[in-house]
């Protein structure tokens, strides 16, 4: 029997939230394996492949495939990849948790995947015009970038200049989940946090009204959430050098990055920034804050806003 989980006691003075009931991961896992088995059976039958033939093609025993199709088998990712390839699909298609897309959607996705990255924005604009969709009026301003870029400080200053509310998305995530961030991660993990983050952002967009939003550094790695930002907000990438990011984080009192190995911490920071740079670059405005004071950055940002709103 697993010991009961213990939620971290709230920080003195911090808001208290009612903890929601968290679903049993064992039940969710069983349901996923059952859906996976059904999907494998359907895809195999659709292609006219018997279990014996699939076993021969994949090198996975027929008995194991039968267990998997019944929802009783817990397959490794490598075996799953071999089974998917033997059917003629990618592993991601086999484990997809959503319904099969229509043939038109598949063809559209294939056409988009063949486009160079530089043509994607033009393709999206062309599709919107062709379908008669009007451009969305983007009243909100969303600041993106790594921690230490100045999203909170510049965001508050910008909100004061524009006389609009300032919102930190992480606080909205806490309201959405009715608990503090630490408890969300402890009880629901990264997946639960991202789900609440998307729900909070959807709520803010649906509410309408002008506001400045400071987002988490990793939101650009969540396609659905980042697309929601790009579609409904004027986005601003607050850019800074890795050294500047690290200096500001430590100046804020967070010495955790330096606790183990300073060189390794900087190496990890550079890798994160490099992996996200192309995503951050999709923002409407890029503002480099390296070595600059807040007032100068704020003046430049306010001057740049009319060109993209």
C-alpha atoms as a PDB file:
ATOM      1  CA  UNK A   1       0.000   0.000   0.000  1.00  0.00           C
ATOM      2  CA  UNK A   2       1.352   3.398  -0.942  1.00  0.00           C
ATOM      3  CA  UNK A   3       1.702   5.928   1.892  1.00  0.00           C
ATOM      4  CA  UNK A   4      -0.665   8.896   1.673  1.00  0.00           C
ATOM      5  CA  UNK A   5       0.837  11.940  -0.011  1.00  0.00           C
ATOM      6  CA  UNK A   6       1.483  14.987   2.118  1.00  0.00           C
ATOM      7  CA  UNK A   7       0.885  18.434   0.747  1.00  0.00           C
ATOM      8  CA  UNK A   8       3.482  21.064   1.628  1.00  0.00           C
ATOM      9  CA  UNK A   9       2.203  23.361   4.392  1.00  0.00           C
ATOM     10  CA  UNK A  10       1.354  26.822   3.086  1.00  0.00           C
ATOM     11  CA  UNK A  11       3.849  29.631   3.461  1.00  0.00           C
ATOM     12  CA  UNK A  12       2.847  32.037   6.270  1.00  0.00           C
ATOM     13  CA  UNK A  13       0.843  34.870   4.809  1.00  0.00           C
ATOM     14  CA  UNK A  14       0.280  33.061   1.499  1.00  0.00           C
ATOM     15  CA  UNK A  15      -3.285  32.552   0.221  1.00  0.00           C
ATOM     16  CA  UNK A  16      -4.947  29.265   1.142  1.00  0.00           C
ATOM     17  CA  UNK A  17      -6.660  27.188  -1.512  1.00  0.00           C
ATOM     18  CA  UNK A  18      -8.981  24.213  -1.308  1.00  0.00           C
ATOM     19  CA  UNK A  19      -7.174  21.194  -2.731  1.00  0.00           C
ATOM     20  CA  UNK A  20      -9.145  19.410  -5.480  1.00  0.00           C
ATOM     21  CA  UNK A  21      -9.381  15.648  -5.653  1.00  0.00           C
ATOM     22  CA  UNK A  22      -6.578  14.255  -7.803  1.00  0.00           C
ATOM     23  CA  UNK A  23      -7.461  11.338 -10.048  1.00  0.00           C
ATOM     24  CA  UNK A  24      -5.822   7.966  -9.408  1.00  0.00           C
ATOM     25  CA  UNK A  25      -2.846   7.577 -11.778  1.00  0.00           C
ATOM     26  CA  UNK A  26      -3.290   3.783 -11.798  1.00  0.00           C
ATOM     27  CA  UNK A  27      -6.813   4.173 -13.201  1.00  0.00           C
ATOM     28  CA  UNK A  28      -5.623   6.692 -15.794  1.00  0.00           C
ATOM     29  CA  UNK A  29      -2.790   4.374 -16.845  1.00  0.00           C
ATOM     30  CA  UNK A  30      -5.175   1.425 -17.237  1.00  0.00           C
ATOM     31  CA  UNK A  31      -7.542   3.531 -19.332  1.00  0.00           C
ATOM     32  CA  UNK A  32      -4.651   4.665 -21.534  1.00  0.00           C
ATOM     33  CA  UNK A  33      -3.446   1.086 -22.099  1.00  0.00           C
ATOM     34  CA  UNK A  34      -6.999   0.064 -23.000  1.00  0.00           C
ATOM     35  CA  UNK A  35      -7.273   2.890 -25.569  1.00  0.00           C
ATOM     36  CA  UNK A  36      -3.846   2.003 -26.927  1.00  0.00           C
ATOM     37  CA  UNK A  37      -4.900  -1.617 -27.396  1.00  0.00           C
ATOM     38  CA  UNK A  38      -8.076  -0.613 -29.181  1.00  0.00           C
ATOM     39  CA  UNK A  39      -6.169   1.736 -31.430  1.00  0.00           C
ATOM     40  CA  UNK A  40      -3.602  -0.910 -32.344  1.00  0.00           C
ATOM     41  CA  UNK A  41      -6.335  -3.441 -33.111  1.00  0.00           C
ATOM     42  CA  UNK A  42      -8.218  -0.922 -35.279  1.00  0.00           C
ATOM     43  CA  UNK A  43      -5.147   0.231 -37.207  1.00  0.00           C
ATOM     44  CA  UNK A  44      -3.982  -3.340 -37.765  1.00  0.00           C
ATOM     45  CA  UNK A  45      -7.408  -4.447 -38.990  1.00  0.00           C
ATOM     46  CA  UNK A  46      -7.755  -1.369 -41.194  1.00  0.00           C
ATOM     47  CA  UNK A  47      -4.570  -2.380 -42.996  1.00  0.00           C
ATOM     48  CA  UNK A  48      -5.546  -6.025 -43.227  1.00  0.00           C
ATOM     49  CA  UNK A  49      -2.601  -7.241 -41.126  1.00  0.00           C
ATOM     50  CA  UNK A  50      -3.068 -10.311 -38.944  1.00  0.00           C
ATOM     51  CA  UNK A  51      -1.440 -10.608 -35.539  1.00  0.00           C
ATOM     52  CA  UNK A  52       0.842 -13.303 -36.905  1.00  0.00           C
ATOM     53  CA  UNK A  53       1.936 -11.066 -39.777  1.00  0.00           C
ATOM     54  CA  UNK A  54       2.452  -8.126 -37.430  1.00  0.00           C
ATOM     55  CA  UNK A  55       4.534 -10.356 -35.169  1.00  0.00           C
ATOM     56  CA  UNK A  56       6.683 -11.422 -38.124  1.00  0.00           C
ATOM     57  CA  UNK A  57       7.193  -7.866 -39.339  1.00  0.00           C
ATOM     58  CA  UNK A  58       7.945  -6.351 -35.936  1.00  0.00           C
ATOM     59  CA  UNK A  59       9.787  -9.176 -34.225  1.00  0.00           C
ATOM     60  CA  UNK A  60       7.397  -8.884 -31.258  1.00  0.00           C
ATOM     61  CA  UNK A  61       5.718 -12.107 -30.150  1.00  0.00           C
ATOM     62  CA  UNK A  62       2.119 -12.707 -31.212  1.00  0.00           C
ATOM     63  CA  UNK A  63       1.178 -13.380 -27.590  1.00  0.00           C
ATOM     64  CA  UNK A  64       2.593 -10.029 -26.503  1.00  0.00           C
ATOM     65  CA  UNK A  65       0.679  -8.239 -29.263  1.00  0.00           C
ATOM     66  CA  UNK A  66      -2.527  -9.968 -28.122  1.00  0.00           C
ATOM     67  CA  UNK A  67      -1.906  -8.791 -24.552  1.00  0.00           C
ATOM     68  CA  UNK A  68      -1.292  -5.280 -25.778  1.00  0.00           C
ATOM     69  CA  UNK A  69      -4.495  -5.232 -27.828  1.00  0.00           C
ATOM     70  CA  UNK A  70      -6.487  -6.448 -24.816  1.00  0.00           C
ATOM     71  CA  UNK A  71      -5.182  -3.539 -22.748  1.00  0.00           C
ATOM     72  CA  UNK A  72      -3.179  -5.821 -20.466  1.00  0.00           C
ATOM     73  CA  UNK A  73       0.304  -5.231 -21.879  1.00  0.00           C
ATOM     74  CA  UNK A  74       2.625  -2.405 -20.843  1.00  0.00           C
ATOM     75  CA  UNK A  75       4.922  -2.020 -23.824  1.00  0.00           C
ATOM     76  CA  UNK A  76       8.315  -0.306 -23.864  1.00  0.00           C
ATOM     77  CA  UNK A  77       8.782   2.640 -26.200  1.00  0.00           C
ATOM     78  CA  UNK A  78      11.233   0.681 -28.381  1.00  0.00           C
ATOM     79  CA  UNK A  79       8.833  -2.236 -28.876  1.00  0.00           C
ATOM     80  CA  UNK A  80       6.018   0.226 -29.533  1.00  0.00           C
ATOM     81  CA  UNK A  81       8.170   1.887 -32.189  1.00  0.00           C
ATOM     82  CA  UNK A  82       8.832  -1.462 -33.865  1.00  0.00           C
ATOM     83  CA  UNK A  83       5.118  -2.349 -33.873  1.00  0.00           C
ATOM     84  CA  UNK A  84       4.153   1.069 -35.275  1.00  0.00           C
ATOM     85  CA  UNK A  85       6.755   0.840 -38.045  1.00  0.00           C
ATOM     86  CA  UNK A  86       5.562  -2.655 -38.937  1.00  0.00           C
ATOM     87  CA  UNK A  87       2.062  -1.212 -39.452  1.00  0.00           C
ATOM     88  CA  UNK A  88       3.486   1.665 -41.472  1.00  0.00           C
ATOM     89  CA  UNK A  89       2.855   4.564 -39.085  1.00  0.00           C
ATOM     90  CA  UNK A  90       4.851   6.629 -36.612  1.00  0.00           C
ATOM     91  CA  UNK A  91       4.879   5.760 -32.920  1.00  0.00           C
ATOM     92  CA  UNK A  92       3.277   9.114 -32.108  1.00  0.00           C
ATOM     93  CA  UNK A  93       0.233   8.181 -34.217  1.00  0.00           C
ATOM     94  CA  UNK A  94      -0.175   4.913 -32.350  1.00  0.00           C
ATOM     95  CA  UNK A  95      -0.146   6.504 -28.897  1.00  0.00           C
ATOM     96  CA  UNK A  96      -2.216   9.577 -29.857  1.00  0.00           C
ATOM     97  CA  UNK A  97      -4.864  10.252 -27.213  1.00  0.00           C
ATOM     98  CA  UNK A  98      -7.254  12.064 -29.524  1.00  0.00           C
ATOM     99  CA  UNK A  99      -9.606  10.766 -32.178  1.00  0.00           C
ATOM    100  CA  UNK A 100      -8.302   9.950 -35.659  1.00  0.00           C
ATOM    101  CA  UNK A 101      -8.174  13.106 -37.807  1.00  0.00           C
ATOM    102  CA  UNK A 102     -10.154  13.320 -41.022  1.00  0.00           C
ATOM    103  CA  UNK A 103      -8.365  12.711 -44.325  1.00  0.00           C
ATOM    104  CA  UNK A 104      -8.629  16.418 -45.180  1.00  0.00           C
ATOM    105  CA  UNK A 105      -6.929  17.362 -41.919  1.00  0.00           C
ATOM    106  CA  UNK A 106      -4.172  14.831 -42.553  1.00  0.00           C
ATOM    107  CA  UNK A 107      -3.571  16.199 -46.051  1.00  0.00           C
ATOM    108  CA  UNK A 108      -3.482  19.761 -44.712  1.00  0.00           C
ATOM    109  CA  UNK A 109      -1.009  18.784 -41.998  1.00  0.00           C
ATOM    110  CA  UNK A 110       1.210  17.077 -44.552  1.00  0.00           C
ATOM    111  CA  UNK A 111       1.162  20.156 -46.784  1.00  0.00           C
ATOM    112  CA  UNK A 112       2.110  22.392 -43.854  1.00  0.00           C
ATOM    113  CA  UNK A 113       4.915  20.071 -42.766  1.00  0.00           C
ATOM    114  CA  UNK A 114       6.522  20.398 -46.214  1.00  0.00           C
ATOM    115  CA  UNK A 115       6.695  24.193 -45.951  1.00  0.00           C
ATOM    116  CA  UNK A 116       9.969  25.866 -44.895  1.00  0.00           C
ATOM    117  CA  UNK A 117       9.787  27.543 -41.480  1.00  0.00           C
ATOM    118  CA  UNK A 118      10.067  30.959 -43.082  1.00  0.00           C
ATOM    119  CA  UNK A 119       6.808  30.480 -45.026  1.00  0.00           C
ATOM    120  CA  UNK A 120       4.590  29.306 -42.164  1.00  0.00           C
ATOM    121  CA  UNK A 121       3.455  32.760 -41.012  1.00  0.00           C
ATOM    122  CA  UNK A 122       2.556  33.759 -44.595  1.00  0.00           C
ATOM    123  CA  UNK A 123       0.667  30.478 -45.083  1.00  0.00           C
ATOM    124  CA  UNK A 124      -1.362  31.049 -41.924  1.00  0.00           C
ATOM    125  CA  UNK A 125      -2.243  34.617 -42.966  1.00  0.00           C
ATOM    126  CA  UNK A 126      -3.219  33.423 -46.467  1.00  0.00           C
ATOM    127  CA  UNK A 127      -5.439  30.699 -45.033  1.00  0.00           C
ATOM    128  CA  UNK A 128      -7.188  33.160 -42.729  1.00  0.00           C
ATOM    129  CA  UNK A 129      -7.856  35.583 -45.600  1.00  0.00           C
ATOM    130  CA  UNK A 130      -9.091  32.784 -47.867  1.00  0.00           C
ATOM    131  CA  UNK A 131     -11.541  31.582 -45.217  1.00  0.00           C
ATOM    132  CA  UNK A 132     -12.799  35.094 -44.650  1.00  0.00           C
ATOM    133  CA  UNK A 133     -11.535  35.349 -41.078  1.00  0.00           C
ATOM    134  CA  UNK A 134     -10.846  38.827 -39.804  1.00  0.00           C
ATOM    135  CA  UNK A 135      -7.705  39.538 -37.866  1.00  0.00           C
ATOM    136  CA  UNK A 136      -8.212  39.292 -34.119  1.00  0.00           C
ATOM    137  CA  UNK A 137      -8.005  42.582 -32.256  1.00  0.00           C
ATOM    138  CA  UNK A 138      -5.178  42.033 -29.817  1.00  0.00           C
ATOM    139  CA  UNK A 139      -5.760  44.158 -26.747  1.00  0.00           C
ATOM    140  CA  UNK A 140      -3.494  42.199 -24.381  1.00  0.00           C
ATOM    141  CA  UNK A 141       0.285  42.481 -24.302  1.00  0.00           C
ATOM    142  CA  UNK A 142       2.126  39.290 -23.319  1.00  0.00           C
ATOM    143  CA  UNK A 143       5.771  39.305 -22.235  1.00  0.00           C
ATOM    144  CA  UNK A 144       7.776  36.147 -22.929  1.00  0.00           C
ATOM    145  CA  UNK A 145      11.351  35.175 -22.153  1.00  0.00           C
ATOM    146  CA  UNK A 146      13.509  33.280 -19.709  1.00  0.00           C
ATOM    147  CA  UNK A 147      13.435  33.959 -16.006  1.00  0.00           C
ATOM    148  CA  UNK A 148      15.460  37.058 -15.233  1.00  0.00           C
ATOM    149  CA  UNK A 149      14.506  38.820 -18.477  1.00  0.00           C
ATOM    150  CA  UNK A 150      12.516  41.464 -16.581  1.00  0.00           C
ATOM    151  CA  UNK A 151       8.975  40.311 -17.346  1.00  0.00           C
ATOM    152  CA  UNK A 152       7.588  41.177 -13.912  1.00  0.00           C
ATOM    153  CA  UNK A 153       9.337  44.519 -13.418  1.00  0.00           C
ATOM    154  CA  UNK A 154       8.880  45.760 -16.990  1.00  0.00           C
ATOM    155  CA  UNK A 155       5.369  44.326 -17.065  1.00  0.00           C
ATOM    156  CA  UNK A 156       4.316  46.325 -14.024  1.00  0.00           C
ATOM    157  CA  UNK A 157       5.932  49.460 -15.401  1.00  0.00           C
ATOM    158  CA  UNK A 158       4.247  49.008 -18.778  1.00  0.00           C
ATOM    159  CA  UNK A 159       0.861  48.406 -17.158  1.00  0.00           C
ATOM    160  CA  UNK A 160       1.239  51.642 -15.182  1.00  0.00           C
ATOM    161  CA  UNK A 161       2.171  53.586 -18.334  1.00  0.00           C
ATOM    162  CA  UNK A 162      -0.857  52.211 -20.194  1.00  0.00           C
ATOM    163  CA  UNK A 163      -3.173  52.407 -17.154  1.00  0.00           C
ATOM    164  CA  UNK A 164      -4.212  48.755 -17.533  1.00  0.00           C
ATOM    165  CA  UNK A 165      -4.089  45.774 -15.132  1.00  0.00           C
ATOM    166  CA  UNK A 166      -0.909  43.728 -14.758  1.00  0.00           C
ATOM    167  CA  UNK A 167      -1.304  39.940 -14.552  1.00  0.00           C
ATOM    168  CA  UNK A 168       1.268  37.277 -13.711  1.00  0.00           C
ATOM    169  CA  UNK A 169       0.105  34.107 -15.412  1.00  0.00           C
ATOM    170  CA  UNK A 170       1.487  31.895 -12.637  1.00  0.00           C
ATOM    171  CA  UNK A 171      -0.842  33.579 -10.133  1.00  0.00           C
ATOM    172  CA  UNK A 172      -3.750  32.872 -12.487  1.00  0.00           C
ATOM    173  CA  UNK A 173      -2.615  29.242 -12.647  1.00  0.00           C
ATOM    174  CA  UNK A 174      -2.840  29.088  -8.839  1.00  0.00           C
ATOM    175  CA  UNK A 175      -6.371  30.481  -8.978  1.00  0.00           C
ATOM    176  CA  UNK A 176      -7.287  27.978 -11.683  1.00  0.00           C
ATOM    177  CA  UNK A 177      -5.899  25.055  -9.692  1.00  0.00           C
ATOM    178  CA  UNK A 178      -6.963  26.427  -6.285  1.00  0.00           C
ATOM    179  CA  UNK A 179      -3.532  25.751  -4.812  1.00  0.00           C
ATOM    180  CA  UNK A 180      -0.013  27.107  -4.827  1.00  0.00           C
ATOM    181  CA  UNK A 181       2.404  26.295  -7.627  1.00  0.00           C
ATOM    182  CA  UNK A 182       4.525  24.009  -5.463  1.00  0.00           C
ATOM    183  CA  UNK A 183       1.465  21.915  -4.634  1.00  0.00           C
ATOM    184  CA  UNK A 184       0.360  21.819  -8.274  1.00  0.00           C
ATOM    185  CA  UNK A 185       3.717  20.398  -9.314  1.00  0.00           C
ATOM    186  CA  UNK A 186       3.776  17.980  -6.370  1.00  0.00           C
ATOM    187  CA  UNK A 187       0.278  16.629  -6.953  1.00  0.00           C
ATOM    188  CA  UNK A 188      -0.247  16.991 -10.697  1.00  0.00           C
ATOM    189  CA  UNK A 189       3.237  17.299 -12.152  1.00  0.00           C
ATOM    190  CA  UNK A 190       4.377  19.285 -15.167  1.00  0.00           C
ATOM    191  CA  UNK A 191       1.456  18.037 -17.271  1.00  0.00           C
ATOM    192  CA  UNK A 192      -1.073  19.282 -14.708  1.00  0.00           C
ATOM    193  CA  UNK A 193       0.626  22.670 -14.507  1.00  0.00           C
ATOM    194  CA  UNK A 194       0.597  23.087 -18.305  1.00  0.00           C
ATOM    195  CA  UNK A 195      -3.077  22.109 -18.457  1.00  0.00           C
ATOM    196  CA  UNK A 196      -3.978  24.727 -15.827  1.00  0.00           C
ATOM    197  CA  UNK A 197      -1.751  27.300 -17.541  1.00  0.00           C
ATOM    198  CA  UNK A 198      -3.640  26.835 -20.813  1.00  0.00           C
ATOM    199  CA  UNK A 199      -7.007  27.016 -19.020  1.00  0.00           C
ATOM    200  CA  UNK A 200      -5.987  30.228 -17.232  1.00  0.00           C
ATOM    201  CA  UNK A 201      -4.847  31.796 -20.494  1.00  0.00           C
ATOM    202  CA  UNK A 202      -8.076  30.802 -22.249  1.00  0.00           C
ATOM    203  CA  UNK A 203     -10.046  32.394 -19.424  1.00  0.00           C
ATOM    204  CA  UNK A 204      -8.098  35.652 -19.665  1.00  0.00           C
ATOM    205  CA  UNK A 205      -8.612  35.782 -23.433  1.00  0.00           C
ATOM    206  CA  UNK A 206     -12.339  35.068 -23.065  1.00  0.00           C
ATOM    207  CA  UNK A 207     -12.719  37.817 -20.450  1.00  0.00           C
ATOM    208  CA  UNK A 208     -11.428  40.409 -22.911  1.00  0.00           C
ATOM    209  CA  UNK A 209     -10.148  43.814 -21.892  1.00  0.00           C
ATOM    210  CA  UNK A 210      -6.673  45.316 -22.064  1.00  0.00           C
ATOM    211  CA  UNK A 211      -3.979  44.006 -19.741  1.00  0.00           C
ATOM    212  CA  UNK A 212      -0.283  43.210 -19.585  1.00  0.00           C
ATOM    213  CA  UNK A 213       0.529  39.547 -18.967  1.00  0.00           C
ATOM    214  CA  UNK A 214       3.854  38.191 -17.699  1.00  0.00           C
ATOM    215  CA  UNK A 215       4.130  34.552 -18.775  1.00  0.00           C
ATOM    216  CA  UNK A 216       6.305  31.677 -17.614  1.00  0.00           C
ATOM    217  CA  UNK A 217       9.545  31.053 -19.470  1.00  0.00           C
ATOM    218  CA  UNK A 218       8.494  27.664 -20.815  1.00  0.00           C
ATOM    219  CA  UNK A 219       5.129  28.627 -22.310  1.00  0.00           C
ATOM    220  CA  UNK A 220       6.682  28.891 -25.789  1.00  0.00           C
ATOM    221  CA  UNK A 221       7.386  25.137 -25.671  1.00  0.00           C
ATOM    222  CA  UNK A 222       3.656  24.402 -25.337  1.00  0.00           C
ATOM    223  CA  UNK A 223       2.291  24.759 -28.905  1.00  0.00           C
ATOM    224  CA  UNK A 224      -1.377  25.211 -27.968  1.00  0.00           C
ATOM    225  CA  UNK A 225      -0.695  27.830 -25.286  1.00  0.00           C
ATOM    226  CA  UNK A 226       1.866  29.734 -27.350  1.00  0.00           C
ATOM    227  CA  UNK A 227      -0.457  29.755 -30.368  1.00  0.00           C
ATOM    228  CA  UNK A 228      -3.160  31.215 -28.133  1.00  0.00           C
ATOM    229  CA  UNK A 229      -0.776  33.983 -27.110  1.00  0.00           C
ATOM    230  CA  UNK A 230       0.336  34.769 -30.662  1.00  0.00           C
ATOM    231  CA  UNK A 231      -3.247  34.849 -31.915  1.00  0.00           C
ATOM    232  CA  UNK A 232      -4.746  37.000 -29.166  1.00  0.00           C
ATOM    233  CA  UNK A 233      -1.908  39.106 -27.715  1.00  0.00           C
ATOM    234  CA  UNK A 234       0.798  41.446 -28.860  1.00  0.00           C
ATOM    235  CA  UNK A 235       3.806  39.388 -27.817  1.00  0.00           C
ATOM    236  CA  UNK A 236       7.114  40.840 -26.626  1.00  0.00           C
ATOM    237  CA  UNK A 237      10.297  38.807 -26.231  1.00  0.00           C
ATOM    238  CA  UNK A 238      12.420  40.310 -23.489  1.00  0.00           C
ATOM    239  CA  UNK A 239      15.829  39.116 -24.569  1.00  0.00           C
ATOM    240  CA  UNK A 240      19.019  39.094 -22.514  1.00  0.00           C
ATOM    241  CA  UNK A 241      22.378  37.363 -22.543  1.00  0.00           C
ATOM    242  CA  UNK A 242      22.759  34.127 -20.523  1.00  0.00           C
ATOM    243  CA  UNK A 243      25.121  35.943 -18.146  1.00  0.00           C
ATOM    244  CA  UNK A 244      22.534  38.681 -17.593  1.00  0.00           C
ATOM    245  CA  UNK A 245      19.811  36.129 -16.931  1.00  0.00           C
ATOM    246  CA  UNK A 246      21.955  34.351 -14.359  1.00  0.00           C
ATOM    247  CA  UNK A 247      23.047  37.579 -12.670  1.00  0.00           C
ATOM    248  CA  UNK A 248      19.458  38.774 -12.286  1.00  0.00           C
ATOM    249  CA  UNK A 249      18.202  35.436 -10.953  1.00  0.00           C
ATOM    250  CA  UNK A 250      20.929  35.382  -8.309  1.00  0.00           C
ATOM    251  CA  UNK A 251      20.277  39.066  -7.497  1.00  0.00           C
ATOM    252  CA  UNK A 252      16.653  38.125  -6.823  1.00  0.00           C
ATOM    253  CA  UNK A 253      17.925  35.867  -4.044  1.00  0.00           C
ATOM    254  CA  UNK A 254      17.696  32.527  -5.846  1.00  0.00           C
ATOM    255  CA  UNK A 255      21.090  30.854  -5.499  1.00  0.00           C
ATOM    256  CA  UNK A 256      19.848  27.377  -6.416  1.00  0.00           C
ATOM    257  CA  UNK A 257      21.368  27.451  -9.932  1.00  0.00           C
ATOM    258  CA  UNK A 258      24.810  28.040  -8.439  1.00  0.00           C
ATOM    259  CA  UNK A 259      24.531  25.566  -5.578  1.00  0.00           C
ATOM    260  CA  UNK A 260      25.907  22.500  -7.349  1.00  0.00           C
ATOM    261  CA  UNK A 261      28.144  23.704 -10.161  1.00  0.00           C
ATOM    262  CA  UNK A 262      28.237  27.244 -11.526  1.00  0.00           C
ATOM    263  CA  UNK A 263      29.751  26.210 -14.859  1.00  0.00           C
ATOM    264  CA  UNK A 264      27.142  23.498 -15.357  1.00  0.00           C
ATOM    265  CA  UNK A 265      24.332  25.909 -14.419  1.00  0.00           C
ATOM    266  CA  UNK A 266      25.498  28.378 -17.078  1.00  0.00           C
ATOM    267  CA  UNK A 267      25.835  25.579 -19.630  1.00  0.00           C
ATOM    268  CA  UNK A 268      22.263  24.449 -18.933  1.00  0.00           C
ATOM    269  CA  UNK A 269      20.998  28.018 -19.201  1.00  0.00           C
ATOM    270  CA  UNK A 270      22.703  28.476 -22.572  1.00  0.00           C
ATOM    271  CA  UNK A 271      21.182  25.215 -23.818  1.00  0.00           C
ATOM    272  CA  UNK A 272      17.673  26.235 -22.731  1.00  0.00           C
ATOM    273  CA  UNK A 273      17.995  29.639 -24.369  1.00  0.00           C
ATOM    274  CA  UNK A 274      19.350  28.131 -27.596  1.00  0.00           C
ATOM    275  CA  UNK A 275      16.538  25.567 -27.761  1.00  0.00           C
ATOM    276  CA  UNK A 276      13.846  28.246 -27.308  1.00  0.00           C
ATOM    277  CA  UNK A 277      15.381  31.089 -29.302  1.00  0.00           C
ATOM    278  CA  UNK A 278      13.516  30.298 -32.539  1.00  0.00           C
ATOM    279  CA  UNK A 279      10.240  30.148 -30.588  1.00  0.00           C
ATOM    280  CA  UNK A 280      10.806  33.399 -28.703  1.00  0.00           C
ATOM    281  CA  UNK A 281      11.727  35.029 -32.026  1.00  0.00           C
ATOM    282  CA  UNK A 282       8.137  34.559 -33.244  1.00  0.00           C
ATOM    283  CA  UNK A 283       7.056  37.354 -30.909  1.00  0.00           C
ATOM    284  CA  UNK A 284       5.864  40.614 -32.486  1.00  0.00           C
ATOM    285  CA  UNK A 285       8.530  42.674 -30.721  1.00  0.00           C
ATOM    286  CA  UNK A 286      12.025  41.737 -29.569  1.00  0.00           C
ATOM    287  CA  UNK A 287      13.513  43.943 -26.861  1.00  0.00           C
ATOM    288  CA  UNK A 288      17.096  43.309 -25.757  1.00  0.00           C
ATOM    289  CA  UNK A 289      17.442  44.276 -22.092  1.00  0.00           C
ATOM    290  CA  UNK A 290      21.107  43.304 -21.635  1.00  0.00           C
ATOM    291  CA  UNK A 291      23.016  45.962 -19.711  1.00  0.00           C
ATOM    292  CA  UNK A 292      20.156  48.462 -19.949  1.00  0.00           C
ATOM    293  CA  UNK A 293      18.170  50.171 -17.230  1.00  0.00           C
ATOM    294  CA  UNK A 294      14.450  49.613 -16.875  1.00  0.00           C
ATOM    295  CA  UNK A 295      13.405  53.150 -17.849  1.00  0.00           C
ATOM    296  CA  UNK A 296      15.206  52.989 -21.218  1.00  0.00           C
ATOM    297  CA  UNK A 297      13.730  49.561 -21.983  1.00  0.00           C
ATOM    298  CA  UNK A 298      10.271  50.766 -21.043  1.00  0.00           C
ATOM    299  CA  UNK A 299      10.524  53.843 -23.290  1.00  0.00           C
ATOM    300  CA  UNK A 300      11.576  51.688 -26.250  1.00  0.00           C
ATOM    301  CA  UNK A 301       8.798  49.198 -25.648  1.00  0.00           C
ATOM    302  CA  UNK A 302       6.078  51.841 -25.410  1.00  0.00           C
ATOM    303  CA  UNK A 303       7.348  53.421 -28.647  1.00  0.00           C
ATOM    304  CA  UNK A 304       7.280  50.061 -30.463  1.00  0.00           C
ATOM    305  CA  UNK A 305       3.738  49.053 -29.486  1.00  0.00           C
ATOM    306  CA  UNK A 306       1.738  51.215 -31.976  1.00  0.00           C
ATOM    307  CA  UNK A 307       3.501  49.540 -34.922  1.00  0.00           C
ATOM    308  CA  UNK A 308       2.104  46.076 -34.086  1.00  0.00           C
ATOM    309  CA  UNK A 309      -1.229  46.730 -32.354  1.00  0.00           C
END
